[in-house]
Amino acid sequence: MDKILLVIMLILSVLIIVAVMLQPSKQNSAASAFSGGASELFGKSKARGFEAFMQRATAVLGVLWVALAIVLAFLSSK
């Protein structure tokens, strides 16, 4: 049982990495991080389409990963 959960956790880890790498960049250059970043941070633009899907997928995968880590920690303590 532990080995199956560990394999699932490794697969989730790889999927999280892929999901984060596939997310589109929000900045045009490094200079935009210092100038004008606040307008984008506090703007009310919602993600749409592929960007929204990737944000949601990353959040779901992250929650699953944390839950599985807690379950594995609980099982290993017994």
C-alpha atoms as a PDB file:
ATOM      1  CA  MET A   1       0.000   0.000   0.000  1.00  0.00           C
ATOM      2  CA  ASP A   2       2.796   2.425   0.912  1.00  0.00           C
ATOM      3  CA  LYS A   3       4.652   1.749  -2.311  1.00  0.00           C
ATOM      4  CA  ILE A   4       1.546   2.405  -4.431  1.00  0.00           C
ATOM      5  CA  LEU A   5       0.927   5.710  -2.656  1.00  0.00           C
ATOM      6  CA  LEU A   6       4.572   6.660  -3.061  1.00  0.00           C
ATOM      7  CA  VAL A   7       4.419   5.973  -6.806  1.00  0.00           C
ATOM      8  CA  ILE A   8       1.236   8.062  -7.043  1.00  0.00           C
ATOM      9  CA  MET A   9       3.013  10.869  -5.175  1.00  0.00           C
ATOM     10  CA  LEU A  10       5.940  10.751  -7.581  1.00  0.00           C
ATOM     11  CA  ILE A  11       3.563  10.902 -10.549  1.00  0.00           C
ATOM     12  CA  LEU A  12       1.746  13.865  -8.973  1.00  0.00           C
ATOM     13  CA  SER A  13       5.093  15.592  -8.427  1.00  0.00           C
ATOM     14  CA  VAL A  14       5.990  15.275 -12.094  1.00  0.00           C
ATOM     15  CA  LEU A  15       2.521  16.466 -13.125  1.00  0.00           C
ATOM     16  CA  ILE A  16       2.816  19.534 -10.880  1.00  0.00           C
ATOM     17  CA  ILE A  17       6.168  20.393 -12.434  1.00  0.00           C
ATOM     18  CA  VAL A  18       4.703  20.049 -15.933  1.00  0.00           C
ATOM     19  CA  ALA A  19       1.631  22.116 -15.015  1.00  0.00           C
ATOM     20  CA  VAL A  20       3.764  24.928 -13.601  1.00  0.00           C
ATOM     21  CA  MET A  21       6.069  24.927 -16.619  1.00  0.00           C
ATOM     22  CA  LEU A  22       3.120  25.093 -19.036  1.00  0.00           C
ATOM     23  CA  GLN A  23       1.618  28.174 -17.424  1.00  0.00           C
ATOM     24  CA  PRO A  24       2.003  31.279 -19.583  1.00  0.00           C
ATOM     25  CA  SER A  25       4.319  34.016 -18.397  1.00  0.00           C
ATOM     26  CA  LYS A  26       2.707  37.115 -16.914  1.00  0.00           C
ATOM     27  CA  GLN A  27       5.665  39.464 -17.347  1.00  0.00           C
ATOM     28  CA  ASN A  28       7.198  40.764 -20.532  1.00  0.00           C
ATOM     29  CA  SER A  29      10.656  41.345 -19.072  1.00  0.00           C
ATOM     30  CA  ALA A  30      12.562  41.556 -15.826  1.00  0.00           C
ATOM     31  CA  ALA A  31      12.255  45.358 -15.865  1.00  0.00           C
ATOM     32  CA  SER A  32       8.473  45.141 -15.680  1.00  0.00           C
ATOM     33  CA  ALA A  33       8.812  43.473 -12.279  1.00  0.00           C
ATOM     34  CA  PHE A  34      10.139  46.739 -10.852  1.00  0.00           C
ATOM     35  CA  SER A  35       7.994  49.180 -12.794  1.00  0.00           C
ATOM     36  CA  GLY A  36       4.268  48.839 -13.164  1.00  0.00           C
ATOM     37  CA  GLY A  37       3.928  45.497 -11.427  1.00  0.00           C
ATOM     38  CA  ALA A  38       1.439  46.859  -8.923  1.00  0.00           C
ATOM     39  CA  SER A  39      -1.094  47.650 -11.604  1.00  0.00           C
ATOM     40  CA  GLU A  40      -1.066  44.039 -12.736  1.00  0.00           C
ATOM     41  CA  LEU A  41      -1.065  42.721  -9.174  1.00  0.00           C
ATOM     42  CA  PHE A  42      -4.111  44.669  -8.098  1.00  0.00           C
ATOM     43  CA  GLY A  43      -5.863  44.573 -11.469  1.00  0.00           C
ATOM     44  CA  LYS A  44      -9.128  42.739 -11.805  1.00  0.00           C
ATOM     45  CA  SER A  45      -8.358  40.714 -14.906  1.00  0.00           C
ATOM     46  CA  LYS A  46      -9.490  37.111 -14.591  1.00  0.00           C
ATOM     47  CA  ALA A  47      -7.650  34.295 -16.242  1.00  0.00           C
ATOM     48  CA  ARG A  48      -9.517  32.785 -19.169  1.00  0.00           C
ATOM     49  CA  GLY A  49      -9.168  29.733 -21.340  1.00  0.00           C
ATOM     50  CA  PHE A  50      -5.921  27.807 -21.129  1.00  0.00           C
ATOM     51  CA  GLU A  51      -4.486  30.017 -18.383  1.00  0.00           C
ATOM     52  CA  ALA A  52      -7.497  29.453 -16.124  1.00  0.00           C
ATOM     53  CA  PHE A  53      -7.376  25.715 -16.774  1.00  0.00           C
ATOM     54  CA  MET A  54      -3.679  25.529 -15.900  1.00  0.00           C
ATOM     55  CA  GLN A  55      -4.166  27.550 -12.700  1.00  0.00           C
ATOM     56  CA  ARG A  56      -7.011  25.285 -11.625  1.00  0.00           C
ATOM     57  CA  ALA A  57      -5.104  22.120 -12.558  1.00  0.00           C
ATOM     58  CA  THR A  58      -2.037  23.271 -10.611  1.00  0.00           C
ATOM     59  CA  ALA A  59      -4.148  24.058  -7.547  1.00  0.00           C
ATOM     60  CA  VAL A  60      -5.926  20.688  -7.663  1.00  0.00           C
ATOM     61  CA  LEU A  61      -2.676  18.785  -8.147  1.00  0.00           C
ATOM     62  CA  GLY A  62      -1.111  20.707  -5.266  1.00  0.00           C
ATOM     63  CA  VAL A  63      -3.985  19.908  -2.922  1.00  0.00           C
ATOM     64  CA  LEU A  64      -3.845  16.228  -3.904  1.00  0.00           C
ATOM     65  CA  TRP A  65      -0.079  16.180  -3.345  1.00  0.00           C
ATOM     66  CA  VAL A  66      -0.366  17.689   0.139  1.00  0.00           C
ATOM     67  CA  ALA A  67      -3.204  15.321   1.095  1.00  0.00           C
ATOM     68  CA  LEU A  68      -1.195  12.340  -0.113  1.00  0.00           C
ATOM     69  CA  ALA A  69       1.865  13.555   1.803  1.00  0.00           C
ATOM     70  CA  ILE A  70      -0.210  13.728   4.991  1.00  0.00           C
ATOM     71  CA  VAL A  71      -1.578  10.222   4.395  1.00  0.00           C
ATOM     72  CA  LEU A  72       1.928   8.855   3.770  1.00  0.00           C
ATOM     73  CA  ALA A  73       3.230  10.537   6.925  1.00  0.00           C
ATOM     74  CA  PHE A  74       0.359   9.054   8.927  1.00  0.00           C
ATOM     75  CA  LEU A  75       0.953   5.572   7.512  1.00  0.00           C
ATOM     76  CA  SER A  76       4.692   5.717   8.099  1.00  0.00           C
ATOM     77  CA  SER A  77       4.202   6.650  11.756  1.00  0.00           C
ATOM     78  CA  LYS A  78       2.418   3.367  12.443  1.00  0.00           C
END
